[in-house]
PDB file of N, CA and C in Angstrom:
ATOM      1  N   MET A   1       0.840  -1.183   0.000  1.00  0.00           N
ATOM      2  CA  MET A   1       0.000   0.000   0.000  1.00  0.00           C
ATOM      3  C   MET A   1       0.883   1.243   0.000  1.00  0.00           C
ATOM      4  N   LYS A   2       0.369   2.288  -0.604  1.00  0.00           N
ATOM      5  CA  LYS A   2       1.113   3.546  -0.637  1.00  0.00           C
ATOM      6  C   LYS A   2       0.417   4.570   0.247  1.00  0.00           C
ATOM      7  N   PHE A   3       1.233   5.305   0.994  1.00  0.00           N
ATOM      8  CA  PHE A   3       0.732   6.342   1.886  1.00  0.00           C
ATOM      9  C   PHE A   3       1.522   7.627   1.664  1.00  0.00           C
ATOM     10  N   THR A   4       0.900   8.740   1.977  1.00  0.00           N
ATOM     11  CA  THR A   4       1.586  10.025   1.997  1.00  0.00           C
ATOM     12  C   THR A   4       1.531  10.547   3.416  1.00  0.00           C
ATOM     13  N   ALA A   5       2.695  10.845   3.962  1.00  0.00           N
ATOM     14  CA  ALA A   5       2.785  11.418   5.310  1.00  0.00           C
ATOM     15  C   ALA A   5       2.996  12.918   5.172  1.00  0.00           C
ATOM     16  N   HIS A   6       2.142  13.680   5.828  1.00  0.00           N
ATOM     17  CA  HIS A   6       2.270  15.141   5.884  1.00  0.00           C
ATOM     18  C   HIS A   6       2.759  15.476   7.293  1.00  0.00           C
ATOM     19  N   ILE A   7       3.991  15.951   7.387  1.00  0.00           N
ATOM     20  CA  ILE A   7       4.660  16.166   8.670  1.00  0.00           C
ATOM     21  C   ILE A   7       4.859  17.658   8.895  1.00  0.00           C
ATOM     22  N   ASN A   8       4.515  18.116  10.086  1.00  0.00           N
ATOM     23  CA  ASN A   8       4.772  19.495  10.499  1.00  0.00           C
ATOM     24  C   ASN A   8       5.787  19.477  11.633  1.00  0.00           C
ATOM     25  N   VAL A   9       6.851  20.246  11.475  1.00  0.00           N
ATOM     26  CA  VAL A   9       7.891  20.359  12.498  1.00  0.00           C
ATOM     27  C   VAL A   9       7.928  21.825  12.928  1.00  0.00           C
ATOM     28  N   MET A  10       7.768  22.051  14.221  1.00  0.00           N
ATOM     29  CA  MET A  10       7.727  23.412  14.754  1.00  0.00           C
ATOM     30  C   MET A  10       8.677  23.540  15.945  1.00  0.00           C
ATOM     31  N   PRO A  11       9.207  24.752  16.169  1.00  0.00           N
ATOM     32  CA  PRO A  11      10.026  24.954  17.361  1.00  0.00           C
ATOM     33  C   PRO A  11       9.173  24.751  18.616  1.00  0.00           C
ATOM     34  N   LEU A  12       9.785  24.232  19.655  1.00  0.00           N
ATOM     35  CA  LEU A  12       9.062  24.063  20.919  1.00  0.00           C
ATOM     36  C   LEU A  12       8.562  25.427  21.405  1.00  0.00           C
ATOM     37  N   LYS A  13       7.379  25.441  21.982  1.00  0.00           N
ATOM     38  CA  LYS A  13       6.781  26.700  22.431  1.00  0.00           C
ATOM     39  C   LYS A  13       7.614  27.390  23.503  1.00  0.00           C
ATOM     40  N   GLU A  14       8.384  26.609  24.259  1.00  0.00           N
ATOM     41  CA  GLU A  14       9.188  27.168  25.345  1.00  0.00           C
ATOM     42  C   GLU A  14      10.426  27.901  24.828  1.00  0.00           C
ATOM     43  N   LEU A  15      10.779  27.683  23.557  1.00  0.00           N
ATOM     44  CA  LEU A  15      12.002  28.265  23.003  1.00  0.00           C
ATOM     45  C   LEU A  15      11.693  29.495  22.157  1.00  0.00           C
ATOM     46  N   LEU A  16      12.669  30.387  22.080  1.00  0.00           N
ATOM     47  CA  LEU A  16      12.552  31.540  21.207  1.00  0.00           C
ATOM     48  C   LEU A  16      12.548  31.073  19.752  1.00  0.00           C
ATOM     49  N   ASP A  17      11.849  31.818  18.904  1.00  0.00           N
ATOM     50  CA  ASP A  17      11.800  31.511  17.481  1.00  0.00           C
ATOM     51  C   ASP A  17      12.252  32.760  16.724  1.00  0.00           C
ATOM     52  N   PRO A  18      13.573  32.902  16.480  1.00  0.00           N
ATOM     53  CA  PRO A  18      14.075  34.109  15.819  1.00  0.00           C
ATOM     54  C   PRO A  18      13.471  34.343  14.436  1.00  0.00           C
ATOM     55  N   GLN A  19      13.244  33.274  13.672  1.00  0.00           N
ATOM     56  CA  GLN A  19      12.620  33.436  12.359  1.00  0.00           C
ATOM     57  C   GLN A  19      11.195  33.965  12.498  1.00  0.00           C
ATOM     58  N   GLY A  20      10.466  33.403  13.429  1.00  0.00           N
ATOM     59  CA  GLY A  20       9.096  33.852  13.666  1.00  0.00           C
ATOM     60  C   GLY A  20       9.056  35.305  14.088  1.00  0.00           C
ATOM     61  N   LYS A  21       9.998  35.704  14.949  1.00  0.00           N
ATOM     62  CA  LYS A  21      10.076  37.096  15.403  1.00  0.00           C
ATOM     63  C   LYS A  21      10.366  38.023  14.225  1.00  0.00           C
ATOM     64  N   ALA A  22      11.291  37.634  13.348  1.00  0.00           N
ATOM     65  CA  ALA A  22      11.630  38.454  12.180  1.00  0.00           C
ATOM     66  C   ALA A  22      10.426  38.594  11.250  1.00  0.00           C
ATOM     67  N   VAL A  23       9.704  37.505  11.010  1.00  0.00           N
ATOM     68  CA  VAL A  23       8.521  37.564  10.154  1.00  0.00           C
ATOM     69  C   VAL A  23       7.449  38.427  10.805  1.00  0.00           C
ATOM     70  N   ASN A  24       7.252  38.280  12.098  1.00  0.00           N
ATOM     71  CA  ASN A  24       6.266  39.073  12.829  1.00  0.00           C
ATOM     72  C   ASN A  24       6.581  40.563  12.689  1.00  0.00           C
ATOM     73  N   ASN A  25       7.853  40.931  12.891  1.00  0.00           N
ATOM     74  CA  ASN A  25       8.260  42.338  12.773  1.00  0.00           C
ATOM     75  C   ASN A  25       8.061  42.849  11.346  1.00  0.00           C
ATOM     76  N   SER A  26       8.393  42.034  10.351  1.00  0.00           N
ATOM     77  CA  SER A  26       8.224  42.443   8.958  1.00  0.00           C
ATOM     78  C   SER A  26       6.752  42.645   8.613  1.00  0.00           C
ATOM     79  N   LEU A  27       5.898  41.773   9.104  1.00  0.00           N
ATOM     80  CA  LEU A  27       4.466  41.937   8.870  1.00  0.00           C
ATOM     81  C   LEU A  27       3.951  43.230   9.492  1.00  0.00           C
ATOM     82  N   HIS A  28       4.448  43.556  10.688  1.00  0.00           N
ATOM     83  CA  HIS A  28       4.055  44.814  11.339  1.00  0.00           C
ATOM     84  C   HIS A  28       4.529  46.004  10.510  1.00  0.00           C
ATOM     85  N   ASN A  29       5.748  45.920   9.956  1.00  0.00           N
ATOM     86  CA  ASN A  29       6.272  46.992   9.104  1.00  0.00           C
ATOM     87  C   ASN A  29       5.455  47.166   7.829  1.00  0.00           C
ATOM     88  N   LEU A  30       4.789  46.101   7.399  1.00  0.00           N
ATOM     89  CA  LEU A  30       3.942  46.169   6.210  1.00  0.00           C
ATOM     90  C   LEU A  30       2.515  46.611   6.541  1.00  0.00           C
ATOM     91  N   GLY A  31       2.290  46.996   7.793  1.00  0.00           N
ATOM     92  CA  GLY A  31       0.966  47.467   8.190  1.00  0.00           C
ATOM     93  C   GLY A  31       0.028  46.385   8.669  1.00  0.00           C
ATOM     94  N   LEU A  32       0.548  45.189   8.886  1.00  0.00           N
ATOM     95  CA  LEU A  32      -0.287  44.077   9.365  1.00  0.00           C
ATOM     96  C   LEU A  32      -0.057  43.854  10.856  1.00  0.00           C
ATOM     97  N   SER A  33      -0.316  44.895  11.628  1.00  0.00           N
ATOM     98  CA  SER A  33      -0.028  44.844  13.070  1.00  0.00           C
ATOM     99  C   SER A  33      -0.991  43.951  13.842  1.00  0.00           C
ATOM    100  N   GLN A  34      -2.058  43.486  13.193  1.00  0.00           N
ATOM    101  CA  GLN A  34      -2.998  42.581  13.867  1.00  0.00           C
ATOM    102  C   GLN A  34      -2.412  41.183  14.035  1.00  0.00           C
ATOM    103  N   VAL A  35      -1.402  40.849  13.251  1.00  0.00           N
ATOM    104  CA  VAL A  35      -0.771  39.529  13.324  1.00  0.00           C
ATOM    105  C   VAL A  35       0.111  39.487  14.567  1.00  0.00           C
ATOM    106  N   GLN A  36      -0.008  38.418  15.339  1.00  0.00           N
ATOM    107  CA  GLN A  36       0.755  38.273  16.581  1.00  0.00           C
ATOM    108  C   GLN A  36       1.352  36.872  16.677  1.00  0.00           C
ATOM    109  N   ASP A  37       2.437  36.767  17.393  1.00  0.00           N
ATOM    110  CA  ASP A  37       3.029  35.472  17.774  1.00  0.00           C
ATOM    111  C   ASP A  37       3.259  34.527  16.589  1.00  0.00           C
ATOM    112  N   VAL A  38       4.022  34.968  15.611  1.00  0.00           N
ATOM    113  CA  VAL A  38       4.344  34.142  14.449  1.00  0.00           C
ATOM    114  C   VAL A  38       5.392  33.098  14.852  1.00  0.00           C
ATOM    115  N   ARG A  39       5.170  31.863  14.446  1.00  0.00           N
ATOM    116  CA  ARG A  39       6.135  30.780  14.629  1.00  0.00           C
ATOM    117  C   ARG A  39       6.413  30.200  13.248  1.00  0.00           C
ATOM    118  N   VAL A  40       7.664  29.971  12.929  1.00  0.00           N
ATOM    119  CA  VAL A  40       8.046  29.442  11.622  1.00  0.00           C
ATOM    120  C   VAL A  40       8.574  28.024  11.797  1.00  0.00           C
ATOM    121  N   GLY A  41       8.037  27.109  11.021  1.00  0.00           N
ATOM    122  CA  GLY A  41       8.481  25.722  11.055  1.00  0.00           C
ATOM    123  C   GLY A  41       8.667  25.209   9.649  1.00  0.00           C
ATOM    124  N   LYS A  42       8.511  23.896   9.490  1.00  0.00           N
ATOM    125  CA  LYS A  42       8.655  23.311   8.165  1.00  0.00           C
ATOM    126  C   LYS A  42       7.597  22.239   7.965  1.00  0.00           C
ATOM    127  N   HIS A  43       7.223  22.054   6.710  1.00  0.00           N
ATOM    128  CA  HIS A  43       6.274  21.016   6.331  1.00  0.00           C
ATOM    129  C   HIS A  43       7.010  20.054   5.401  1.00  0.00           C
ATOM    130  N   ILE A  44       6.918  18.778   5.708  1.00  0.00           N
ATOM    131  CA  ILE A  44       7.623  17.748   4.941  1.00  0.00           C
ATOM    132  C   ILE A  44       6.595  16.720   4.471  1.00  0.00           C
ATOM    133  N   THR A  45       6.711  16.303   3.230  1.00  0.00           N
ATOM    134  CA  THR A  45       5.836  15.267   2.683  1.00  0.00           C
ATOM    135  C   THR A  45       6.690  14.056   2.315  1.00  0.00           C
ATOM    136  N   LEU A  46       6.265  12.894   2.798  1.00  0.00           N
ATOM    137  CA  LEU A  46       6.948  11.632   2.466  1.00  0.00           C
ATOM    138  C   LEU A  46       5.966  10.703   1.763  1.00  0.00           C
ATOM    139  N   ASN A  47       6.396  10.069   0.705  1.00  0.00           N
ATOM    140  CA  ASN A  47       5.621   8.994   0.085  1.00  0.00           C
ATOM    141  C   ASN A  47       6.206   7.682   0.588  1.00  0.00           C
ATOM    142  N   ILE A  48       5.338   6.855   1.157  1.00  0.00           N
ATOM    143  CA  ILE A  48       5.787   5.641   1.851  1.00  0.00           C
ATOM    144  C   ILE A  48       5.089   4.419   1.275  1.00  0.00           C
ATOM    145  N   GLU A  49       5.857   3.386   1.034  1.00  0.00           N
ATOM    146  CA  GLU A  49       5.329   2.077   0.650  1.00  0.00           C
ATOM    147  C   GLU A  49       5.373   1.217   1.913  1.00  0.00           C
ATOM    148  N   ALA A  50       4.195   0.769   2.370  1.00  0.00           N
ATOM    149  CA  ALA A  50       4.126  -0.020   3.593  1.00  0.00           C
ATOM    150  C   ALA A  50       2.992  -1.037   3.486  1.00  0.00           C
ATOM    151  N   ALA A  51       3.105  -2.104   4.262  1.00  0.00           N
ATOM    152  CA  ALA A  51       2.098  -3.162   4.233  1.00  0.00           C
ATOM    153  C   ALA A  51       0.791  -2.748   4.905  1.00  0.00           C
ATOM    154  N   SER A  52       0.883  -1.798   5.854  1.00  0.00           N
ATOM    155  CA  SER A  52      -0.314  -1.364   6.587  1.00  0.00           C
ATOM    156  C   SER A  52      -0.148   0.078   7.048  1.00  0.00           C
ATOM    157  N   LYS A  53      -1.243   0.648   7.497  1.00  0.00           N
ATOM    158  CA  LYS A  53      -1.189   2.017   8.016  1.00  0.00           C
ATOM    159  C   LYS A  53      -0.331   2.068   9.278  1.00  0.00           C
ATOM    160  N   ASP A  54      -0.418   1.042  10.121  1.00  0.00           N
ATOM    161  CA  ASP A  54       0.404   0.997  11.341  1.00  0.00           C
ATOM    162  C   ASP A  54       1.891   1.025  11.002  1.00  0.00           C
ATOM    163  N   GLU A  55       2.283   0.270   9.972  1.00  0.00           N
ATOM    164  CA  GLU A  55       3.685   0.259   9.572  1.00  0.00           C
ATOM    165  C   GLU A  55       4.097   1.631   9.023  1.00  0.00           C
ATOM    166  N   ALA A  56       3.226   2.251   8.250  1.00  0.00           N
ATOM    167  CA  ALA A  56       3.525   3.584   7.707  1.00  0.00           C
ATOM    168  C   ALA A  56       3.678   4.603   8.837  1.00  0.00           C
ATOM    169  N   GLU A  57       2.840   4.506   9.863  1.00  0.00           N
ATOM    170  CA  GLU A  57       2.957   5.394  11.032  1.00  0.00           C
ATOM    171  C   GLU A  57       4.288   5.164  11.737  1.00  0.00           C
ATOM    172  N   ARG A  58       4.665   3.904  11.910  1.00  0.00           N
ATOM    173  CA  ARG A  58       5.923   3.575  12.575  1.00  0.00           C
ATOM    174  C   ARG A  58       7.112   4.126  11.783  1.00  0.00           C
ATOM    175  N   LEU A  59       7.086   3.958  10.468  1.00  0.00           N
ATOM    176  CA  LEU A  59       8.169   4.469   9.629  1.00  0.00           C
ATOM    177  C   LEU A  59       8.252   5.994   9.675  1.00  0.00           C
ATOM    178  N   THR A  60       7.097   6.647   9.688  1.00  0.00           N
ATOM    179  CA  THR A  60       7.074   8.109   9.760  1.00  0.00           C
ATOM    180  C   THR A  60       7.627   8.588  11.099  1.00  0.00           C
ATOM    181  N   GLN A  61       7.203   7.950  12.188  1.00  0.00           N
ATOM    182  CA  GLN A  61       7.729   8.288  13.522  1.00  0.00           C
ATOM    183  C   GLN A  61       9.247   8.137  13.553  1.00  0.00           C
ATOM    184  N   GLU A  62       9.727   7.037  13.013  1.00  0.00           N
ATOM    185  CA  GLU A  62      11.158   6.760  13.014  1.00  0.00           C
ATOM    186  C   GLU A  62      11.920   7.822  12.212  1.00  0.00           C
ATOM    187  N   ALA A  63      11.400   8.172  11.044  1.00  0.00           N
ATOM    188  CA  ALA A  63      12.051   9.194  10.215  1.00  0.00           C
ATOM    189  C   ALA A  63      12.105  10.533  10.953  1.00  0.00           C
ATOM    190  N   CYS A  64      11.019  10.887  11.610  1.00  0.00           N
ATOM    191  CA  CYS A  64      10.982  12.159  12.339  1.00  0.00           C
ATOM    192  C   CYS A  64      11.962  12.159  13.509  1.00  0.00           C
ATOM    193  N   LYS A  65      11.967  11.090  14.276  1.00  0.00           N
ATOM    194  CA  LYS A  65      12.831  11.026  15.457  1.00  0.00           C
ATOM    195  C   LYS A  65      14.309  10.933  15.102  1.00  0.00           C
ATOM    196  N   LYS A  66      14.627  10.229  14.010  1.00  0.00           N
ATOM    197  CA  LYS A  66      16.036  10.023  13.656  1.00  0.00           C
ATOM    198  C   LYS A  66      16.631  11.133  12.806  1.00  0.00           C
ATOM    199  N   LEU A  67      15.783  11.854  12.033  1.00  0.00           N
ATOM    200  CA  LEU A  67      16.364  12.810  11.092  1.00  0.00           C
ATOM    201  C   LEU A  67      15.592  14.117  10.936  1.00  0.00           C
ATOM    202  N   LEU A  68      14.294  14.048  10.799  1.00  0.00           N
ATOM    203  CA  LEU A  68      13.535  15.221  10.361  1.00  0.00           C
ATOM    204  C   LEU A  68      13.293  16.264  11.442  1.00  0.00           C
ATOM    205  N   ALA A  69      13.276  15.868  12.700  1.00  0.00           N
ATOM    206  CA  ALA A  69      13.028  16.819  13.792  1.00  0.00           C
ATOM    207  C   ALA A  69      14.113  16.673  14.858  1.00  0.00           C
ATOM    208  N   ASN A  70      14.617  17.798  15.305  1.00  0.00           N
ATOM    209  CA  ASN A  70      15.553  17.812  16.431  1.00  0.00           C
ATOM    210  C   ASN A  70      14.692  17.901  17.690  1.00  0.00           C
ATOM    211  N   GLN A  71      14.505  16.779  18.375  1.00  0.00           N
ATOM    212  CA  GLN A  71      13.554  16.731  19.484  1.00  0.00           C
ATOM    213  C   GLN A  71      13.962  17.564  20.686  1.00  0.00           C
ATOM    214  N   VAL A  72      15.195  18.029  20.724  1.00  0.00           N
ATOM    215  CA  VAL A  72      15.623  18.926  21.802  1.00  0.00           C
ATOM    216  C   VAL A  72      14.992  20.301  21.603  1.00  0.00           C
ATOM    217  N   MET A  73      14.808  20.695  20.330  1.00  0.00           N
ATOM    218  CA  MET A  73      14.329  22.045  20.024  1.00  0.00           C
ATOM    219  C   MET A  73      13.014  22.085  19.245  1.00  0.00           C
ATOM    220  N   GLU A  74      12.568  20.945  18.730  1.00  0.00           N
ATOM    221  CA  GLU A  74      11.396  20.932  17.861  1.00  0.00           C
ATOM    222  C   GLU A  74      10.416  19.827  18.254  1.00  0.00           C
ATOM    223  N   ALA A  75       9.155  20.087  17.930  1.00  0.00           N
ATOM    224  CA  ALA A  75       8.101  19.087  18.085  1.00  0.00           C
ATOM    225  C   ALA A  75       7.559  18.777  16.695  1.00  0.00           C
ATOM    226  N   PHE A  76       7.005  17.574  16.523  1.00  0.00           N
ATOM    227  CA  PHE A  76       6.438  17.228  15.232  1.00  0.00           C
ATOM    228  C   PHE A  76       5.090  16.551  15.407  1.00  0.00           C
ATOM    229  N   ASP A  77       4.277  16.672  14.374  1.00  0.00           N
ATOM    230  CA  ASP A  77       3.046  15.900  14.269  1.00  0.00           C
ATOM    231  C   ASP A  77       2.867  15.547  12.795  1.00  0.00           C
ATOM    232  N   PHE A  78       2.032  14.560  12.540  1.00  0.00           N
ATOM    233  CA  PHE A  78       1.851  14.156  11.141  1.00  0.00           C
ATOM    234  C   PHE A  78       0.486  13.539  10.949  1.00  0.00           C
ATOM    235  N   THR A  79       0.064  13.547   9.691  1.00  0.00           N
ATOM    236  CA  THR A  79      -1.131  12.825   9.268  1.00  0.00           C
ATOM    237  C   THR A  79      -0.734  11.925   8.101  1.00  0.00           C
ATOM    238  N   LEU A  80      -1.405  10.798   8.014  1.00  0.00           N
ATOM    239  CA  LEU A  80      -1.164   9.846   6.932  1.00  0.00           C
ATOM    240  C   LEU A  80      -2.404   9.764   6.060  1.00  0.00           C
ATOM    241  N   VAL A  81      -2.175   9.760   4.753  1.00  0.00           N
ATOM    242  CA  VAL A  81      -3.262   9.630   3.790  1.00  0.00           C
ATOM    243  C   VAL A  81      -2.920   8.467   2.873  1.00  0.00           C
ATOM    244  N   GLU A  82      -3.873   7.589   2.658  1.00  0.00           N
ATOM    245  CA  GLU A  82      -3.620   6.492   1.731  1.00  0.00           C
ATOM    246  C   GLU A  82      -3.628   7.039   0.314  1.00  0.00           C
ATOM    247  N   ALA A  83      -2.567   6.731  -0.420  1.00  0.00           N
ATOM    248  CA  ALA A  83      -2.442   7.273  -1.795  1.00  0.00           C
ATOM    249  C   ALA A  83      -3.158   6.385  -2.789  1.00  0.00           C
TER     250      ALA A  83
END
């Protein structure tokens, strides 16, 4: 079976987000002062061949923990869609 994993990796809420702060300030400079608390992360899409949805979830978790997210500074979540 083929699955697509949509992964979101974001900085931990307890940590400063310099990119988010820079974007927030730039938006304010553009007159969009209503925007508050910008956080910048990344979105990753993986196409996975797996025997079951459980296996695809396990593979996605493993990829995130071993490479895609630095768990000291980032949190991740994902959704799986059968392709």
